[in-house]
Amino acid sequence: MYKAFFHLKRSPFDLTPDPHCFVPTPRHNEALAALYYGVRRHKGFVVVTGEVGTGKTLLLRCLLRLLENSKDIAYAYLFNSRLEPTDFLQYVLADFGLPASGKNKCELLLDLSKFLVMRGSRQMTTVLIVDEAHDLSEDTLEEVRLLSNLETAEDKLLQIILAGQPELDKKLDSVELRQLKQRIALRTQLGALNAKQAQEYIEQRLRIAGADSSASPIFSSQAMAAVYSYSRGFPRLINTLCENALITAYARQAPTITARIIEDVANEFRLEAFVPVQQNS
């Protein structure tokens, strides 16, 4: 629809976490490096936290793309964390390609242990990635901790990445989970972008989508400032505002997105600006 109007090859602000559209801000680069280092160096537990819309799932997808290029790595990726311990184990084993249906907890743990020992003896890396980990119950988090006991005298057999909202930090700080907290080897946090980073994010997303850098800008500088103001620098909200601004501009046949268009879109989504927005364009 609007792609032809703005001479774009793809939608630049799709909400689907696509690694092809990853914009490596310094903080996201640092977090991705920490995740990859933790996996490759067999550090055991790695935790990444951040508010809603800071790019945690996209970061994990980028990590998965890196891991898929390595033949010695197998991973299980859990994106629905509202599971009881036995269901959790069944999902993990099934994602590793192991038979899990109908087995009790003891059988599941035994099969997983054999699988990890076999891979460890061949100097292979096995990774468990849990997205939305803040939704894990304390019982399931304790099960995750127990999985970290699967190790040799020299090495961790299972590398575990927990990604979640700040509520995950609160859970890990609880007295009940202090043993799990002590096992965390690396911890990183994602936050909102600043104004300069938000502008670079918008520009880079447009370049990835095929925007002509020599042509007139699709977003005016005031529009990008307005996006930052209404989104507060959260990438997901930036995507939402920019995607809908492109649709609105196309409907109005406006070749440039102005601050007024951003304001109209923000009003539709009931977003409030946290700094005054210029209205002269």
C-alpha atoms as a PDB file:
ATOM      1  CA  MET A   1       0.000   0.000   0.000  1.00  0.00           C
ATOM      2  CA  TYR A   2       2.254   2.805   1.228  1.00  0.00           C
ATOM      3  CA  LYS A   3       5.458   1.048   0.122  1.00  0.00           C
ATOM      4  CA  ALA A   4       5.086   2.053  -3.515  1.00  0.00           C
ATOM      5  CA  PHE A   5       4.057   5.576  -2.522  1.00  0.00           C
ATOM      6  CA  PHE A   6       7.235   6.063  -0.465  1.00  0.00           C
ATOM      7  CA  HIS A   7       9.409   3.915  -2.799  1.00  0.00           C
ATOM      8  CA  LEU A   8      10.142   1.293  -0.160  1.00  0.00           C
ATOM      9  CA  LYS A   9      10.926  -2.374  -0.767  1.00  0.00           C
ATOM     10  CA  ARG A  10       9.510  -3.622   2.523  1.00  0.00           C
ATOM     11  CA  SER A  11       7.657  -2.396   5.595  1.00  0.00           C
ATOM     12  CA  PRO A  12      10.293  -0.652   7.713  1.00  0.00           C
ATOM     13  CA  PHE A  13       8.452  -0.741  11.026  1.00  0.00           C
ATOM     14  CA  ASP A  14       6.841  -4.156  11.106  1.00  0.00           C
ATOM     15  CA  LEU A  15       6.145  -5.203  14.706  1.00  0.00           C
ATOM     16  CA  THR A  16       7.336  -8.764  14.027  1.00  0.00           C
ATOM     17  CA  PRO A  17      10.810  -9.194  15.627  1.00  0.00           C
ATOM     18  CA  ASP A  18      12.814  -9.727  12.424  1.00  0.00           C
ATOM     19  CA  PRO A  19      16.623  -9.951  12.838  1.00  0.00           C
ATOM     20  CA  HIS A  20      16.987  -8.511   9.333  1.00  0.00           C
ATOM     21  CA  CYS A  21      15.676  -5.215  10.747  1.00  0.00           C
ATOM     22  CA  PHE A  22      17.887  -5.235  13.834  1.00  0.00           C
ATOM     23  CA  VAL A  23      19.341  -1.787  14.511  1.00  0.00           C
ATOM     24  CA  PRO A  24      22.452  -2.268  16.653  1.00  0.00           C
ATOM     25  CA  THR A  25      22.359   0.490  19.255  1.00  0.00           C
ATOM     26  CA  PRO A  26      25.335   0.424  21.649  1.00  0.00           C
ATOM     27  CA  ARG A  27      23.235  -1.089  24.433  1.00  0.00           C
ATOM     28  CA  HIS A  28      21.711  -3.768  22.212  1.00  0.00           C
ATOM     29  CA  ASN A  29      25.153  -4.626  20.823  1.00  0.00           C
ATOM     30  CA  GLU A  30      26.492  -4.961  24.345  1.00  0.00           C
ATOM     31  CA  ALA A  31      23.604  -7.201  25.381  1.00  0.00           C
ATOM     32  CA  LEU A  32      23.914  -9.410  22.291  1.00  0.00           C
ATOM     33  CA  ALA A  33      27.651  -9.767  22.866  1.00  0.00           C
ATOM     34  CA  ALA A  34      27.013 -10.764  26.490  1.00  0.00           C
ATOM     35  CA  LEU A  35      24.492 -13.419  25.449  1.00  0.00           C
ATOM     36  CA  TYR A  36      26.753 -14.869  22.776  1.00  0.00           C
ATOM     37  CA  TYR A  37      29.785 -14.807  25.075  1.00  0.00           C
ATOM     38  CA  GLY A  38      27.830 -16.535  27.828  1.00  0.00           C
ATOM     39  CA  VAL A  39      26.777 -19.325  25.478  1.00  0.00           C
ATOM     40  CA  ARG A  40      30.145 -19.791  23.800  1.00  0.00           C
ATOM     41  CA  ARG A  41      32.121 -19.703  27.048  1.00  0.00           C
ATOM     42  CA  HIS A  42      29.682 -22.019  28.822  1.00  0.00           C
ATOM     43  CA  LYS A  43      28.990 -19.565  31.621  1.00  0.00           C
ATOM     44  CA  GLY A  44      25.743 -21.253  32.640  1.00  0.00           C
ATOM     45  CA  PHE A  45      23.108 -18.675  33.580  1.00  0.00           C
ATOM     46  CA  VAL A  46      22.683 -15.426  31.646  1.00  0.00           C
ATOM     47  CA  VAL A  47      19.834 -12.995  32.372  1.00  0.00           C
ATOM     48  CA  VAL A  48      18.607 -10.113  30.214  1.00  0.00           C
ATOM     49  CA  THR A  49      15.841  -7.821  31.414  1.00  0.00           C
ATOM     50  CA  GLY A  50      14.109  -4.753  30.071  1.00  0.00           C
ATOM     51  CA  GLU A  51      10.798  -2.951  30.006  1.00  0.00           C
ATOM     52  CA  VAL A  52       8.039  -3.875  27.551  1.00  0.00           C
ATOM     53  CA  GLY A  53       9.031  -2.924  24.011  1.00  0.00           C
ATOM     54  CA  THR A  54      12.789  -2.542  24.517  1.00  0.00           C
ATOM     55  CA  GLY A  55      13.661  -5.297  22.035  1.00  0.00           C
ATOM     56  CA  LYS A  56      14.313  -8.385  24.163  1.00  0.00           C
ATOM     57  CA  THR A  57      12.626 -10.853  21.796  1.00  0.00           C
ATOM     58  CA  LEU A  58      14.338  -9.340  18.755  1.00  0.00           C
ATOM     59  CA  LEU A  59      17.653  -9.643  20.596  1.00  0.00           C
ATOM     60  CA  LEU A  60      16.974 -13.337  21.217  1.00  0.00           C
ATOM     61  CA  ARG A  61      16.068 -13.857  17.556  1.00  0.00           C
ATOM     62  CA  CYS A  62      19.377 -12.244  16.572  1.00  0.00           C
ATOM     63  CA  LEU A  63      21.181 -14.580  18.954  1.00  0.00           C
ATOM     64  CA  LEU A  64      19.368 -17.576  17.460  1.00  0.00           C
ATOM     65  CA  ARG A  65      20.471 -16.517  14.002  1.00  0.00           C
ATOM     66  CA  LEU A  66      24.081 -16.464  15.225  1.00  0.00           C
ATOM     67  CA  LEU A  67      23.692 -19.862  16.874  1.00  0.00           C
ATOM     68  CA  GLU A  68      22.114 -21.409  13.788  1.00  0.00           C
ATOM     69  CA  ASN A  69      25.359 -20.791  11.921  1.00  0.00           C
ATOM     70  CA  SER A  70      27.202 -23.034  14.400  1.00  0.00           C
ATOM     71  CA  LYS A  71      26.890 -26.772  13.798  1.00  0.00           C
ATOM     72  CA  ASP A  72      27.963 -27.662  17.344  1.00  0.00           C
ATOM     73  CA  ILE A  73      25.054 -25.830  19.017  1.00  0.00           C
ATOM     74  CA  ALA A  74      21.566 -27.156  19.759  1.00  0.00           C
ATOM     75  CA  TYR A  75      18.967 -24.964  21.425  1.00  0.00           C
ATOM     76  CA  ALA A  76      15.460 -25.082  22.836  1.00  0.00           C
ATOM     77  CA  TYR A  77      13.500 -21.838  22.660  1.00  0.00           C
ATOM     78  CA  LEU A  78      10.608 -21.424  25.072  1.00  0.00           C
ATOM     79  CA  PHE A  79       8.331 -18.458  24.379  1.00  0.00           C
ATOM     80  CA  ASN A  80       5.346 -19.514  26.510  1.00  0.00           C
ATOM     81  CA  SER A  81       6.594 -19.497  30.073  1.00  0.00           C
ATOM     82  CA  ARG A  82       3.243 -20.025  31.813  1.00  0.00           C
ATOM     83  CA  LEU A  83       3.934 -23.725  32.292  1.00  0.00           C
ATOM     84  CA  GLU A  84       4.085 -25.962  35.335  1.00  0.00           C
ATOM     85  CA  PRO A  85       7.421 -27.747  35.932  1.00  0.00           C
ATOM     86  CA  THR A  86       6.522 -31.043  34.227  1.00  0.00           C
ATOM     87  CA  ASP A  87       4.949 -29.307  31.224  1.00  0.00           C
ATOM     88  CA  PHE A  88       8.022 -27.089  31.083  1.00  0.00           C
ATOM     89  CA  LEU A  89      10.335 -30.099  30.936  1.00  0.00           C
ATOM     90  CA  GLN A  90       8.184 -31.798  28.293  1.00  0.00           C
ATOM     91  CA  TYR A  91       8.347 -28.693  26.119  1.00  0.00           C
ATOM     92  CA  VAL A  92      12.110 -28.390  26.510  1.00  0.00           C
ATOM     93  CA  LEU A  93      12.778 -32.003  25.593  1.00  0.00           C
ATOM     94  CA  ALA A  94      10.400 -31.866  22.644  1.00  0.00           C
ATOM     95  CA  ASP A  95      12.145 -28.741  21.336  1.00  0.00           C
ATOM     96  CA  PHE A  96      15.464 -30.567  21.577  1.00  0.00           C
ATOM     97  CA  GLY A  97      13.912 -33.272  19.418  1.00  0.00           C
ATOM     98  CA  LEU A  98      13.585 -35.821  22.221  1.00  0.00           C
ATOM     99  CA  PRO A  99      10.428 -37.893  22.854  1.00  0.00           C
ATOM    100  CA  ALA A 100       8.567 -36.363  25.786  1.00  0.00           C
ATOM    101  CA  SER A 101       4.879 -37.185  25.514  1.00  0.00           C
ATOM    102  CA  GLY A 102       3.465 -39.312  28.349  1.00  0.00           C
ATOM    103  CA  LYS A 103       6.687 -39.358  30.390  1.00  0.00           C
ATOM    104  CA  ASN A 104       6.820 -38.496  34.055  1.00  0.00           C
ATOM    105  CA  LYS A 105       9.199 -35.973  35.575  1.00  0.00           C
ATOM    106  CA  CYS A 106      11.868 -38.526  36.520  1.00  0.00           C
ATOM    107  CA  GLU A 107      11.923 -39.970  33.012  1.00  0.00           C
ATOM    108  CA  LEU A 108      12.133 -36.509  31.481  1.00  0.00           C
ATOM    109  CA  LEU A 109      15.060 -35.504  33.686  1.00  0.00           C
ATOM    110  CA  LEU A 110      16.877 -38.766  33.010  1.00  0.00           C
ATOM    111  CA  ASP A 111      16.487 -38.393  29.243  1.00  0.00           C
ATOM    112  CA  LEU A 112      17.611 -34.774  29.363  1.00  0.00           C
ATOM    113  CA  SER A 113      20.624 -35.677  31.485  1.00  0.00           C
ATOM    114  CA  LYS A 114      21.692 -38.411  29.040  1.00  0.00           C
ATOM    115  CA  PHE A 115      21.240 -35.998  26.131  1.00  0.00           C
ATOM    116  CA  LEU A 116      23.360 -33.301  27.764  1.00  0.00           C
ATOM    117  CA  VAL A 117      26.101 -35.704  28.843  1.00  0.00           C
ATOM    118  CA  MET A 118      26.283 -37.157  25.329  1.00  0.00           C
ATOM    119  CA  ARG A 119      26.597 -33.714  23.766  1.00  0.00           C
ATOM    120  CA  GLY A 120      29.072 -32.560  26.391  1.00  0.00           C
ATOM    121  CA  SER A 121      31.305 -35.566  25.737  1.00  0.00           C
ATOM    122  CA  ARG A 122      31.460 -34.467  22.114  1.00  0.00           C
ATOM    123  CA  GLN A 123      32.374 -30.877  23.043  1.00  0.00           C
ATOM    124  CA  MET A 124      29.009 -29.637  21.808  1.00  0.00           C
ATOM    125  CA  THR A 125      27.000 -26.745  23.251  1.00  0.00           C
ATOM    126  CA  THR A 126      23.384 -27.022  24.387  1.00  0.00           C
ATOM    127  CA  VAL A 127      21.308 -23.947  25.126  1.00  0.00           C
ATOM    128  CA  LEU A 128      17.936 -23.325  26.767  1.00  0.00           C
ATOM    129  CA  ILE A 129      16.436 -19.900  25.981  1.00  0.00           C
ATOM    130  CA  VAL A 130      13.383 -18.771  27.940  1.00  0.00           C
ATOM    131  CA  ASP A 131      11.577 -15.656  26.723  1.00  0.00           C
ATOM    132  CA  GLU A 132       8.980 -13.916  28.928  1.00  0.00           C
ATOM    133  CA  ALA A 133      10.780 -15.512  31.878  1.00  0.00           C
ATOM    134  CA  HIS A 134       9.102 -13.099  34.300  1.00  0.00           C
ATOM    135  CA  ASP A 135       5.981 -15.253  33.894  1.00  0.00           C
ATOM    136  CA  LEU A 136       7.723 -18.375  35.202  1.00  0.00           C
ATOM    137  CA  SER A 137       6.360 -19.537  38.532  1.00  0.00           C
ATOM    138  CA  GLU A 138       8.751 -19.874  41.462  1.00  0.00           C
ATOM    139  CA  ASP A 139       8.405 -23.661  41.202  1.00  0.00           C
ATOM    140  CA  THR A 140       9.398 -23.615  37.522  1.00  0.00           C
ATOM    141  CA  LEU A 141      12.268 -21.211  38.200  1.00  0.00           C
ATOM    142  CA  GLU A 142      13.487 -23.617  40.851  1.00  0.00           C
ATOM    143  CA  GLU A 143      13.286 -26.386  38.245  1.00  0.00           C
ATOM    144  CA  VAL A 144      15.414 -24.242  35.944  1.00  0.00           C
ATOM    145  CA  ARG A 145      17.963 -23.842  38.732  1.00  0.00           C
ATOM    146  CA  LEU A 146      18.102 -27.581  39.236  1.00  0.00           C
ATOM    147  CA  LEU A 147      18.791 -28.040  35.530  1.00  0.00           C
ATOM    148  CA  SER A 148      21.967 -26.027  36.040  1.00  0.00           C
ATOM    149  CA  ASN A 149      23.199 -28.853  38.295  1.00  0.00           C
ATOM    150  CA  LEU A 150      23.694 -30.909  35.145  1.00  0.00           C
ATOM    151  CA  GLU A 151      27.415 -30.292  34.833  1.00  0.00           C
ATOM    152  CA  THR A 152      30.788 -31.944  34.885  1.00  0.00           C
ATOM    153  CA  ALA A 153      33.710 -30.983  37.114  1.00  0.00           C
ATOM    154  CA  GLU A 154      34.989 -28.731  34.329  1.00  0.00           C
ATOM    155  CA  ASP A 155      31.955 -27.494  32.435  1.00  0.00           C
ATOM    156  CA  LYS A 156      28.298 -26.509  32.435  1.00  0.00           C
ATOM    157  CA  LEU A 157      26.349 -28.939  30.267  1.00  0.00           C
ATOM    158  CA  LEU A 158      23.378 -26.629  29.762  1.00  0.00           C
ATOM    159  CA  GLN A 159      23.603 -22.923  29.009  1.00  0.00           C
ATOM    160  CA  ILE A 160      20.483 -21.103  30.211  1.00  0.00           C
ATOM    161  CA  ILE A 161      19.285 -17.677  29.058  1.00  0.00           C
ATOM    162  CA  LEU A 162      16.395 -16.011  30.861  1.00  0.00           C
ATOM    163  CA  ALA A 163      14.852 -12.919  29.229  1.00  0.00           C
ATOM    164  CA  GLY A 164      12.045 -10.963  30.788  1.00  0.00           C
ATOM    165  CA  GLN A 165      10.580  -7.752  32.119  1.00  0.00           C
ATOM    166  CA  PRO A 166      11.850  -6.052  35.322  1.00  0.00           C
ATOM    167  CA  GLU A 167       9.521  -8.300  37.319  1.00  0.00           C
ATOM    168  CA  LEU A 168      12.054 -11.060  36.627  1.00  0.00           C
ATOM    169  CA  ASP A 169      14.710  -9.080  38.529  1.00  0.00           C
ATOM    170  CA  LYS A 170      12.311  -8.787  41.474  1.00  0.00           C
ATOM    171  CA  LYS A 171      11.683 -12.531  41.474  1.00  0.00           C
ATOM    172  CA  LEU A 172      15.387 -13.294  41.326  1.00  0.00           C
ATOM    173  CA  ASP A 173      15.968 -10.914  44.247  1.00  0.00           C
ATOM    174  CA  SER A 174      13.513 -12.833  46.420  1.00  0.00           C
ATOM    175  CA  VAL A 175      14.791 -14.884  49.337  1.00  0.00           C
ATOM    176  CA  GLU A 176      13.200 -18.042  47.908  1.00  0.00           C
ATOM    177  CA  LEU A 177      15.278 -17.830  44.728  1.00  0.00           C
ATOM    178  CA  ARG A 178      18.584 -16.700  46.231  1.00  0.00           C
ATOM    179  CA  GLN A 179      20.283 -19.923  45.126  1.00  0.00           C
ATOM    180  CA  LEU A 180      19.301 -19.225  41.532  1.00  0.00           C
ATOM    181  CA  LYS A 181      20.464 -15.620  41.764  1.00  0.00           C
ATOM    182  CA  GLN A 182      23.897 -16.731  42.972  1.00  0.00           C
ATOM    183  CA  ARG A 183      24.311 -18.904  39.874  1.00  0.00           C
ATOM    184  CA  ILE A 184      23.853 -16.033  37.405  1.00  0.00           C
ATOM    185  CA  ALA A 185      27.141 -15.498  35.580  1.00  0.00           C
ATOM    186  CA  LEU A 186      26.159 -12.593  33.332  1.00  0.00           C
ATOM    187  CA  ARG A 187      23.407 -10.049  33.649  1.00  0.00           C
ATOM    188  CA  THR A 188      22.456  -7.306  31.198  1.00  0.00           C
ATOM    189  CA  GLN A 189      19.612  -4.841  30.851  1.00  0.00           C
ATOM    190  CA  LEU A 190      17.906  -3.101  27.937  1.00  0.00           C
ATOM    191  CA  GLY A 191      16.440   0.373  28.216  1.00  0.00           C
ATOM    192  CA  ALA A 192      14.774   3.039  26.111  1.00  0.00           C
ATOM    193  CA  LEU A 193      16.669   4.902  23.393  1.00  0.00           C
ATOM    194  CA  ASN A 194      17.671   8.514  23.796  1.00  0.00           C
ATOM    195  CA  ALA A 195      16.547  11.160  21.288  1.00  0.00           C
ATOM    196  CA  LYS A 196      19.616  10.796  19.045  1.00  0.00           C
ATOM    197  CA  GLN A 197      19.411   7.002  19.070  1.00  0.00           C
ATOM    198  CA  ALA A 198      15.679   7.130  18.283  1.00  0.00           C
ATOM    199  CA  GLN A 199      16.327   9.295  15.220  1.00  0.00           C
ATOM    200  CA  GLU A 200      19.136   6.983  14.072  1.00  0.00           C
ATOM    201  CA  TYR A 201      16.837   4.009  14.666  1.00  0.00           C
ATOM    202  CA  ILE A 202      14.132   5.479  12.415  1.00  0.00           C
ATOM    203  CA  GLU A 203      16.627   6.406   9.699  1.00  0.00           C
ATOM    204  CA  GLN A 204      18.320   3.005   9.771  1.00  0.00           C
ATOM    205  CA  ARG A 205      14.991   1.156   9.600  1.00  0.00           C
ATOM    206  CA  LEU A 206      14.046   3.212   6.554  1.00  0.00           C
ATOM    207  CA  ARG A 207      17.408   2.456   4.890  1.00  0.00           C
ATOM    208  CA  ILE A 208      16.932  -1.268   5.517  1.00  0.00           C
ATOM    209  CA  ALA A 209      13.509  -0.978   3.854  1.00  0.00           C
ATOM    210  CA  GLY A 210      15.091   0.590   0.767  1.00  0.00           C
ATOM    211  CA  ALA A 211      14.519   4.314   1.335  1.00  0.00           C
ATOM    212  CA  ASP A 212      16.583   6.534  -0.963  1.00  0.00           C
ATOM    213  CA  SER A 213      18.963   8.498   1.249  1.00  0.00           C
ATOM    214  CA  SER A 214      19.477  11.091  -1.498  1.00  0.00           C
ATOM    215  CA  ALA A 215      15.748  11.840  -1.803  1.00  0.00           C
ATOM    216  CA  SER A 216      13.686  14.110   0.423  1.00  0.00           C
ATOM    217  CA  PRO A 217      13.343  12.596   3.916  1.00  0.00           C
ATOM    218  CA  ILE A 218      10.144  10.655   4.576  1.00  0.00           C
ATOM    219  CA  PHE A 219      10.036  11.855   8.192  1.00  0.00           C
ATOM    220  CA  SER A 220      10.741  15.496   8.937  1.00  0.00           C
ATOM    221  CA  SER A 221      13.129  16.218  11.803  1.00  0.00           C
ATOM    222  CA  GLN A 222      10.192  17.559  13.813  1.00  0.00           C
ATOM    223  CA  ALA A 223       8.261  14.356  13.136  1.00  0.00           C
ATOM    224  CA  MET A 224      11.134  12.227  14.441  1.00  0.00           C
ATOM    225  CA  ALA A 225      11.348  14.411  17.532  1.00  0.00           C
ATOM    226  CA  ALA A 226       7.617  13.889  18.028  1.00  0.00           C
ATOM    227  CA  VAL A 227       8.009  10.121  17.666  1.00  0.00           C
ATOM    228  CA  TYR A 228      10.621  10.165  20.407  1.00  0.00           C
ATOM    229  CA  SER A 229       8.433  12.316  22.618  1.00  0.00           C
ATOM    230  CA  TYR A 230       5.378  10.073  22.332  1.00  0.00           C
ATOM    231  CA  SER A 231       7.277   6.758  22.356  1.00  0.00           C
ATOM    232  CA  ARG A 232       9.642   7.743  25.172  1.00  0.00           C
ATOM    233  CA  GLY A 233      12.318   5.946  23.193  1.00  0.00           C
ATOM    234  CA  PHE A 234      10.824   2.444  23.394  1.00  0.00           C
ATOM    235  CA  PRO A 235      11.490   0.676  20.056  1.00  0.00           C
ATOM    236  CA  ARG A 236       8.124  -1.082  19.902  1.00  0.00           C
ATOM    237  CA  LEU A 237       6.240   2.196  20.331  1.00  0.00           C
ATOM    238  CA  ILE A 238       8.523   3.836  17.774  1.00  0.00           C
ATOM    239  CA  ASN A 239       7.561   1.102  15.324  1.00  0.00           C
ATOM    240  CA  THR A 240       3.866   1.487  16.091  1.00  0.00           C
ATOM    241  CA  LEU A 241       3.900   5.259  15.634  1.00  0.00           C
ATOM    242  CA  CYS A 242       6.001   5.200  12.460  1.00  0.00           C
ATOM    243  CA  GLU A 243       4.057   2.361  10.828  1.00  0.00           C
ATOM    244  CA  ASN A 244       0.740   4.100  11.395  1.00  0.00           C
ATOM    245  CA  ALA A 245       2.190   7.455  10.374  1.00  0.00           C
ATOM    246  CA  LEU A 246       3.182   5.949   7.012  1.00  0.00           C
ATOM    247  CA  ILE A 247      -0.354   4.630   6.554  1.00  0.00           C
ATOM    248  CA  THR A 248      -1.874   7.991   7.516  1.00  0.00           C
ATOM    249  CA  ALA A 249       0.482   9.935   5.248  1.00  0.00           C
ATOM    250  CA  TYR A 250      -0.368   7.630   2.340  1.00  0.00           C
ATOM    251  CA  ALA A 251      -4.095   8.095   2.974  1.00  0.00           C
ATOM    252  CA  ARG A 252      -3.585  11.864   2.916  1.00  0.00           C
ATOM    253  CA  GLN A 253      -1.183  11.639  -0.039  1.00  0.00           C
ATOM    254  CA  ALA A 254       1.385  13.535   2.025  1.00  0.00           C
ATOM    255  CA  PRO A 255       4.945  12.956   0.734  1.00  0.00           C
ATOM    256  CA  THR A 256       6.500  13.915   4.089  1.00  0.00           C
ATOM    257  CA  ILE A 257       5.419  12.850   7.537  1.00  0.00           C
ATOM    258  CA  THR A 258       5.068  15.845   9.814  1.00  0.00           C
ATOM    259  CA  ALA A 259       4.842  16.298  13.567  1.00  0.00           C
ATOM    260  CA  ARG A 260       1.096  16.889  13.141  1.00  0.00           C
ATOM    261  CA  ILE A 261       0.666  13.423  11.611  1.00  0.00           C
ATOM    262  CA  ILE A 262       2.617  11.865  14.481  1.00  0.00           C
ATOM    263  CA  GLU A 263       0.430  13.735  16.959  1.00  0.00           C
ATOM    264  CA  ASP A 264      -2.731  12.488  15.245  1.00  0.00           C
ATOM    265  CA  VAL A 265      -1.487   8.904  15.363  1.00  0.00           C
ATOM    266  CA  ALA A 266      -0.410   9.257  18.982  1.00  0.00           C
ATOM    267  CA  ASN A 267      -3.852  10.549  19.919  1.00  0.00           C
ATOM    268  CA  GLU A 268      -5.456   7.510  18.314  1.00  0.00           C
ATOM    269  CA  PHE A 269      -3.255   5.263  20.457  1.00  0.00           C
ATOM    270  CA  ARG A 270      -3.871   7.426  23.541  1.00  0.00           C
ATOM    271  CA  LEU A 271      -0.185   8.232  23.968  1.00  0.00           C
ATOM    272  CA  GLU A 272       0.939  11.340  25.771  1.00  0.00           C
ATOM    273  CA  ALA A 273       4.076  13.328  24.969  1.00  0.00           C
ATOM    274  CA  PHE A 274       6.578  13.604  27.785  1.00  0.00           C
ATOM    275  CA  VAL A 275       8.216  16.705  26.255  1.00  0.00           C
ATOM    276  CA  PRO A 276       6.464  19.446  24.236  1.00  0.00           C
ATOM    277  CA  VAL A 277       6.102  18.659  20.509  1.00  0.00           C
ATOM    278  CA  GLN A 278       6.797  21.320  17.892  1.00  0.00           C
ATOM    279  CA  GLN A 279       3.701  21.979  15.802  1.00  0.00           C
ATOM    280  CA  ASN A 280       5.157  24.043  12.945  1.00  0.00           C
ATOM    281  CA  SER A 281       5.503  21.116  10.542  1.00  0.00           C
END
